[in-house]
PDB file of N, CA and C in Angstrom:
ATOM      1  N   UNK A   1      10.830  -9.678  -3.644  1.00  0.00           N
ATOM      2  CA  UNK A   1       9.930  -9.088  -3.826  1.00  0.00           C
ATOM      3  C   UNK A   1       9.034  -9.033  -2.430  1.00  0.00           C
ATOM      4  N   UNK A   2       8.301  -7.768  -2.059  1.00  0.00           N
ATOM      5  CA  UNK A   2       7.423  -7.678  -1.055  1.00  0.00           C
ATOM      6  C   UNK A   2       5.997  -8.361  -1.015  1.00  0.00           C
ATOM      7  N   UNK A   3       5.839  -9.303   0.087  1.00  0.00           N
ATOM      8  CA  UNK A   3       4.806  -9.544   0.304  1.00  0.00           C
ATOM      9  C   UNK A   3       4.388  -9.609   1.406  1.00  0.00           C
ATOM     10  N   UNK A   4       2.654  -9.641   1.689  1.00  0.00           N
ATOM     11  CA  UNK A   4       2.064  -9.077   2.631  1.00  0.00           C
ATOM     12  C   UNK A   4       2.080 -10.334   3.354  1.00  0.00           C
ATOM     13  N   UNK A   5       1.639 -10.420   4.872  1.00  0.00           N
ATOM     14  CA  UNK A   5       1.337 -11.887   5.616  1.00  0.00           C
ATOM     15  C   UNK A   5      -0.084 -12.301   5.090  1.00  0.00           C
ATOM     16  N   UNK A   6      -1.000 -11.655   4.936  1.00  0.00           N
ATOM     17  CA  UNK A   6      -2.400 -11.822   4.338  1.00  0.00           C
ATOM     18  C   UNK A   6      -2.351 -11.512   3.080  1.00  0.00           C
ATOM     19  N   UNK A   7      -2.908 -12.403   1.972  1.00  0.00           N
ATOM     20  CA  UNK A   7      -2.890 -11.809   0.719  1.00  0.00           C
ATOM     21  C   UNK A   7      -4.120 -10.806   0.372  1.00  0.00           C
ATOM     22  N   UNK A   8      -4.801 -10.639   1.303  1.00  0.00           N
ATOM     23  CA  UNK A   8      -6.232  -9.370   0.804  1.00  0.00           C
ATOM     24  C   UNK A   8      -5.446  -8.226   1.788  1.00  0.00           C
ATOM     25  N   UNK A   9      -4.474  -8.048   2.297  1.00  0.00           N
ATOM     26  CA  UNK A   9      -4.376  -6.820   2.973  1.00  0.00           C
ATOM     27  C   UNK A   9      -3.897  -5.989   1.973  1.00  0.00           C
ATOM     28  N   UNK A  10      -4.261  -4.259   2.448  1.00  0.00           N
ATOM     29  CA  UNK A  10      -3.950  -3.269   1.445  1.00  0.00           C
ATOM     30  C   UNK A  10      -3.413  -2.306   2.277  1.00  0.00           C
ATOM     31  N   UNK A  11      -2.496  -2.677   2.921  1.00  0.00           N
ATOM     32  CA  UNK A  11      -1.555  -1.497   3.939  1.00  0.00           C
ATOM     33  C   UNK A  11      -0.616  -1.086   3.193  1.00  0.00           C
ATOM     34  N   UNK A  12      -0.091   0.102   3.438  1.00  0.00           N
ATOM     35  CA  UNK A  12       1.046   0.738   2.558  1.00  0.00           C
ATOM     36  C   UNK A  12       2.229   0.436   3.248  1.00  0.00           C
ATOM     37  N   UNK A  13       3.035   0.290   2.498  1.00  0.00           N
ATOM     38  CA  UNK A  13       4.647   0.114   3.146  1.00  0.00           C
ATOM     39  C   UNK A  13       5.216   1.385   3.399  1.00  0.00           C
ATOM     40  N   UNK A  14       6.024   1.066   4.567  1.00  0.00           N
ATOM     41  CA  UNK A  14       6.786   2.371   5.270  1.00  0.00           C
ATOM     42  C   UNK A  14       8.303   1.883   5.402  1.00  0.00           C
ATOM     43  N   UNK A  15       8.875   2.909   5.429  1.00  0.00           N
ATOM     44  CA  UNK A  15      10.449   2.826   5.847  1.00  0.00           C
ATOM     45  C   UNK A  15      10.394   3.135   7.552  1.00  0.00           C
ATOM     46  N   UNK A  16      10.857   2.229   8.375  1.00  0.00           N
ATOM     47  CA  UNK A  16      10.474   2.321   9.563  1.00  0.00           C
ATOM     48  C   UNK A  16      12.236   2.093  10.200  1.00  0.00           C
ATOM     49  N   UNK A  17      12.368   2.245  11.416  1.00  0.00           N
ATOM     50  CA  UNK A  17      13.781   2.135  12.120  1.00  0.00           C
ATOM     51  C   UNK A  17      14.636   3.172  11.595  1.00  0.00           C
ATOM     52  N   UNK A  18      16.029   2.781  12.211  1.00  0.00           N
ATOM     53  CA  UNK A  18      17.020   3.425  11.644  1.00  0.00           C
ATOM     54  C   UNK A  18      18.432   2.595  11.811  1.00  0.00           C
ATOM     55  N   UNK A  19      19.507   3.080  11.167  1.00  0.00           N
ATOM     56  CA  UNK A  19      20.274   2.443  11.282  1.00  0.00           C
ATOM     57  C   UNK A  19      20.635   0.882  10.586  1.00  0.00           C
ATOM     58  N   UNK A  20      21.075  -0.124  11.155  1.00  0.00           N
ATOM     59  CA  UNK A  20      20.996  -1.476  10.982  1.00  0.00           C
ATOM     60  C   UNK A  20      19.596  -2.074  10.995  1.00  0.00           C
ATOM     61  N   UNK A  21      18.376  -1.340  11.841  1.00  0.00           N
ATOM     62  CA  UNK A  21      17.459  -2.034  12.198  1.00  0.00           C
ATOM     63  C   UNK A  21      16.562  -1.253  11.022  1.00  0.00           C
ATOM     64  N   UNK A  22      16.647  -0.518  10.332  1.00  0.00           N
ATOM     65  CA  UNK A  22      15.942  -0.202   8.965  1.00  0.00           C
ATOM     66  C   UNK A  22      15.156  -1.387   8.540  1.00  0.00           C
ATOM     67  N   UNK A  23      13.477  -0.999   8.252  1.00  0.00           N
ATOM     68  CA  UNK A  23      13.028  -2.140   7.555  1.00  0.00           C
ATOM     69  C   UNK A  23      12.037  -1.373   6.288  1.00  0.00           C
ATOM     70  N   UNK A  24      11.293  -1.979   5.815  1.00  0.00           N
ATOM     71  CA  UNK A  24      10.427  -1.977   5.045  1.00  0.00           C
ATOM     72  C   UNK A  24       9.085  -2.699   5.456  1.00  0.00           C
ATOM     73  N   UNK A  25       8.314  -2.182   6.177  1.00  0.00           N
ATOM     74  CA  UNK A  25       7.132  -2.407   6.901  1.00  0.00           C
ATOM     75  C   UNK A  25       5.586  -2.136   6.497  1.00  0.00           C
ATOM     76  N   UNK A  26       5.025  -3.272   6.297  1.00  0.00           N
ATOM     77  CA  UNK A  26       3.468  -2.888   6.199  1.00  0.00           C
ATOM     78  C   UNK A  26       2.922  -2.435   7.490  1.00  0.00           C
ATOM     79  N   UNK A  27       2.001  -1.062   7.221  1.00  0.00           N
ATOM     80  CA  UNK A  27       1.336  -0.767   8.387  1.00  0.00           C
ATOM     81  C   UNK A  27      -0.027  -1.277   8.832  1.00  0.00           C
ATOM     82  N   UNK A  28      -0.379  -2.613   8.130  1.00  0.00           N
ATOM     83  CA  UNK A  28      -1.379  -3.048   8.562  1.00  0.00           C
ATOM     84  C   UNK A  28      -1.056  -4.803   8.942  1.00  0.00           C
ATOM     85  N   UNK A  29      -0.591  -5.492   7.983  1.00  0.00           N
ATOM     86  CA  UNK A  29       0.091  -6.891   8.420  1.00  0.00           C
ATOM     87  C   UNK A  29       1.369  -7.077   9.145  1.00  0.00           C
ATOM     88  N   UNK A  30       2.040  -6.115   9.399  1.00  0.00           N
ATOM     89  CA  UNK A  30       3.670  -5.964  10.092  1.00  0.00           C
ATOM     90  C   UNK A  30       4.333  -6.830   9.331  1.00  0.00           C
ATOM     91  N   UNK A  31       4.065  -7.301   7.995  1.00  0.00           N
ATOM     92  CA  UNK A  31       5.078  -7.959   7.133  1.00  0.00           C
ATOM     93  C   UNK A  31       6.362  -6.950   6.928  1.00  0.00           C
ATOM     94  N   UNK A  32       7.585  -7.333   6.996  1.00  0.00           N
ATOM     95  CA  UNK A  32       8.589  -6.594   7.079  1.00  0.00           C
ATOM     96  C   UNK A  32      10.095  -7.395   6.441  1.00  0.00           C
ATOM     97  N   UNK A  33      10.804  -6.271   5.621  1.00  0.00           N
ATOM     98  CA  UNK A  33      11.873  -6.796   4.611  1.00  0.00           C
ATOM     99  C   UNK A  33      12.753  -5.803   4.754  1.00  0.00           C
ATOM    100  N   UNK A  34      14.085  -6.436   4.393  1.00  0.00           N
ATOM    101  CA  UNK A  34      15.211  -5.579   4.569  1.00  0.00           C
ATOM    102  C   UNK A  34      15.099  -4.509   3.153  1.00  0.00           C
ATOM    103  N   UNK A  35      15.363  -3.109   3.458  1.00  0.00           N
ATOM    104  CA  UNK A  35      15.359  -1.917   2.564  1.00  0.00           C
ATOM    105  C   UNK A  35      16.204  -2.154   1.523  1.00  0.00           C
ATOM    106  N   UNK A  36      16.215  -3.073   0.584  1.00  0.00           N
ATOM    107  CA  UNK A  36      17.064  -3.167  -0.296  1.00  0.00           C
ATOM    108  C   UNK A  36      16.622  -2.226  -1.567  1.00  0.00           C
ATOM    109  N   UNK A  37      17.543  -1.630  -2.418  1.00  0.00           N
ATOM    110  CA  UNK A  37      17.083  -0.811  -3.410  1.00  0.00           C
ATOM    111  C   UNK A  37      15.739  -1.347  -4.310  1.00  0.00           C
ATOM    112  N   UNK A  38      15.503  -2.591  -4.235  1.00  0.00           N
ATOM    113  CA  UNK A  38      14.805  -3.348  -5.176  1.00  0.00           C
ATOM    114  C   UNK A  38      13.190  -3.376  -4.290  1.00  0.00           C
ATOM    115  N   UNK A  39      13.542  -3.584  -3.163  1.00  0.00           N
ATOM    116  CA  UNK A  39      12.404  -3.601  -2.163  1.00  0.00           C
ATOM    117  C   UNK A  39      11.667  -2.219  -1.877  1.00  0.00           C
ATOM    118  N   UNK A  40      12.517  -1.061  -2.093  1.00  0.00           N
ATOM    119  CA  UNK A  40      12.467   0.041  -2.010  1.00  0.00           C
ATOM    120  C   UNK A  40      11.517   0.534  -2.922  1.00  0.00           C
ATOM    121  N   UNK A  41      11.979   0.318  -4.194  1.00  0.00           N
ATOM    122  CA  UNK A  41      11.169   0.624  -5.387  1.00  0.00           C
ATOM    123  C   UNK A  41       9.935  -0.103  -5.536  1.00  0.00           C
ATOM    124  N   UNK A  42       9.772  -1.445  -5.174  1.00  0.00           N
ATOM    125  CA  UNK A  42       8.830  -2.184  -5.152  1.00  0.00           C
ATOM    126  C   UNK A  42       7.804  -1.837  -4.055  1.00  0.00           C
ATOM    127  N   UNK A  43       7.993  -1.217  -2.740  1.00  0.00           N
ATOM    128  CA  UNK A  43       7.017  -0.736  -1.881  1.00  0.00           C
ATOM    129  C   UNK A  43       6.483   0.746  -2.454  1.00  0.00           C
ATOM    130  N   UNK A  44       7.474   1.584  -3.266  1.00  0.00           N
ATOM    131  CA  UNK A  44       6.795   2.758  -4.031  1.00  0.00           C
ATOM    132  C   UNK A  44       5.756   2.336  -5.026  1.00  0.00           C
ATOM    133  N   UNK A  45       6.270   1.540  -5.724  1.00  0.00           N
ATOM    134  CA  UNK A  45       4.888   1.326  -6.803  1.00  0.00           C
ATOM    135  C   UNK A  45       3.815   0.457  -6.278  1.00  0.00           C
ATOM    136  N   UNK A  46       3.769  -0.270  -5.153  1.00  0.00           N
ATOM    137  CA  UNK A  46       2.751  -0.798  -4.582  1.00  0.00           C
ATOM    138  C   UNK A  46       1.741   0.362  -3.898  1.00  0.00           C
ATOM    139  N   UNK A  47       2.511   1.062  -3.263  1.00  0.00           N
ATOM    140  CA  UNK A  47       2.049   2.254  -2.608  1.00  0.00           C
ATOM    141  C   UNK A  47       1.225   3.131  -3.642  1.00  0.00           C
ATOM    142  N   UNK A  48       1.849   3.497  -4.855  1.00  0.00           N
ATOM    143  CA  UNK A  48       0.946   4.481  -5.889  1.00  0.00           C
ATOM    144  C   UNK A  48      -0.208   3.748  -6.198  1.00  0.00           C
ATOM    145  N   UNK A  49       0.226   2.243  -6.357  1.00  0.00           N
ATOM    146  CA  UNK A  49      -1.021   1.454  -7.054  1.00  0.00           C
ATOM    147  C   UNK A  49      -2.270   1.746  -6.068  1.00  0.00           C
ATOM    148  N   UNK A  50      -1.874   1.459  -4.608  1.00  0.00           N
ATOM    149  CA  UNK A  50      -2.955   1.288  -3.711  1.00  0.00           C
ATOM    150  C   UNK A  50      -3.742   2.633  -4.055  1.00  0.00           C
ATOM    151  N   UNK A  51      -2.793   3.938  -4.032  1.00  0.00           N
ATOM    152  CA  UNK A  51      -3.623   5.180  -3.968  1.00  0.00           C
ATOM    153  C   UNK A  51      -4.604   5.242  -5.041  1.00  0.00           C
ATOM    154  N   UNK A  52      -3.890   4.974  -6.311  1.00  0.00           N
ATOM    155  CA  UNK A  52      -4.937   5.072  -7.679  1.00  0.00           C
ATOM    156  C   UNK A  52      -6.195   3.964  -7.155  1.00  0.00           C
ATOM    157  N   UNK A  53      -6.152   3.427  -6.877  1.00  0.00           N
ATOM    158  CA  UNK A  53      -7.071   2.165  -6.671  1.00  0.00           C
ATOM    159  C   UNK A  53      -8.273   2.632  -5.640  1.00  0.00           C
ATOM    160  N   UNK A  54      -7.652   3.533  -4.741  1.00  0.00           N
ATOM    161  CA  UNK A  54      -8.694   3.863  -3.486  1.00  0.00           C
ATOM    162  C   UNK A  54      -9.321   5.263  -4.604  1.00  0.00           C
ATOM    163  N   UNK A  55      -8.482   5.998  -5.219  1.00  0.00           N
ATOM    164  CA  UNK A  55      -9.190   7.062  -5.728  1.00  0.00           C
ATOM    165  C   UNK A  55      -9.963   6.865  -7.026  1.00  0.00           C
ATOM    166  N   UNK A  56      -9.979   5.734  -7.385  1.00  0.00           N
ATOM    167  CA  UNK A  56     -10.781   5.063  -8.506  1.00  0.00           C
ATOM    168  C   UNK A  56     -11.914   4.543  -7.829  1.00  0.00           C
ATOM    169  N   UNK A  57     -11.922   4.049  -6.932  1.00  0.00           N
ATOM    170  CA  UNK A  57     -12.892   3.112  -5.867  1.00  0.00           C
ATOM    171  C   UNK A  57     -14.011   4.392  -5.516  1.00  0.00           C
ATOM    172  N   UNK A  58     -13.250   5.544  -4.909  1.00  0.00           N
ATOM    173  CA  UNK A  58     -13.853   6.818  -4.442  1.00  0.00           C
ATOM    174  C   UNK A  58     -14.869   7.343  -5.539  1.00  0.00           C
ATOM    175  N   UNK A  59     -14.087   7.411  -6.697  1.00  0.00           N
ATOM    176  CA  UNK A  59     -14.791   7.983  -7.765  1.00  0.00           C
ATOM    177  C   UNK A  59     -16.105   7.297  -8.346  1.00  0.00           C
ATOM    178  N   UNK A  60     -16.231   5.951  -8.163  1.00  0.00           N
ATOM    179  CA  UNK A  60     -16.971   4.899  -8.553  1.00  0.00           C
ATOM    180  C   UNK A  60     -18.248   5.348  -7.582  1.00  0.00           C
ATOM    181  N   UNK A  61     -17.829   5.500  -6.489  1.00  0.00           N
ATOM    182  CA  UNK A  61     -18.546   5.397  -5.150  1.00  0.00           C
ATOM    183  C   UNK A  61     -19.631   6.626  -5.562  1.00  0.00           C
ATOM    184  N   UNK A  62     -18.456   7.736  -5.803  1.00  0.00           N
ATOM    185  CA  UNK A  62     -19.516   9.009  -5.949  1.00  0.00           C
ATOM    186  C   UNK A  62     -20.382   8.983  -7.187  1.00  0.00           C
ATOM    187  N   UNK A  63     -20.175   8.424  -8.301  1.00  0.00           N
ATOM    188  CA  UNK A  63     -20.981   8.276  -9.678  1.00  0.00           C
ATOM    189  C   UNK A  63     -21.957   7.566  -9.149  1.00  0.00           C
ATOM    190  N   UNK A  64     -21.803   6.295  -8.456  1.00  0.00           N
ATOM    191  CA  UNK A  64     -23.060   5.680  -8.109  1.00  0.00           C
ATOM    192  C   UNK A  64     -24.053   6.389  -7.029  1.00  0.00           C
ATOM    193  N   UNK A  65     -23.556   7.135  -6.271  1.00  0.00           N
ATOM    194  CA  UNK A  65     -24.433   8.268  -5.391  1.00  0.00           C
ATOM    195  C   UNK A  65     -25.360   8.975  -6.135  1.00  0.00           C
ATOM    196  N   UNK A  66     -24.340   9.556  -7.206  1.00  0.00           N
ATOM    197  CA  UNK A  66     -24.932  10.489  -8.208  1.00  0.00           C
ATOM    198  C   UNK A  66     -26.259   9.908  -9.000  1.00  0.00           C
ATOM    199  N   UNK A  67     -26.040   8.765  -9.153  1.00  0.00           N
ATOM    200  CA  UNK A  67     -27.076   7.863 -10.309  1.00  0.00           C
ATOM    201  C   UNK A  67     -28.158   7.583  -9.272  1.00  0.00           C
ATOM    202  N   UNK A  68     -27.724   6.946  -8.016  1.00  0.00           N
ATOM    203  CA  UNK A  68     -28.865   6.750  -6.846  1.00  0.00           C
ATOM    204  C   UNK A  68     -29.723   8.316  -6.651  1.00  0.00           C
ATOM    205  N   UNK A  69     -28.951   9.124  -6.487  1.00  0.00           N
ATOM    206  CA  UNK A  69     -29.536  10.639  -6.388  1.00  0.00           C
ATOM    207  C   UNK A  69     -30.833  10.916  -7.105  1.00  0.00           C
ATOM    208  N   UNK A  70     -30.531  10.576  -8.564  1.00  0.00           N
ATOM    209  CA  UNK A  70     -31.459  10.958  -9.735  1.00  0.00           C
ATOM    210  C   UNK A  70     -32.634  10.455  -9.921  1.00  0.00           C
TER     211      UNK A  70
END
């Protein structure tokens, strides 16, 4: 299971390195793990969840701005 170094980290997971040095690493907290199939799927799932949360947040901010302007 992938875990960030900081429980509040919102960084995306990236596949970095090459050959034997390949790792799945967080772009913010630098946590890294072996690129097992399970870890790769977990990284994809978490990245997708983060994308949706950012979109929902942006939509909520836009709706609040519209209400404030009215």
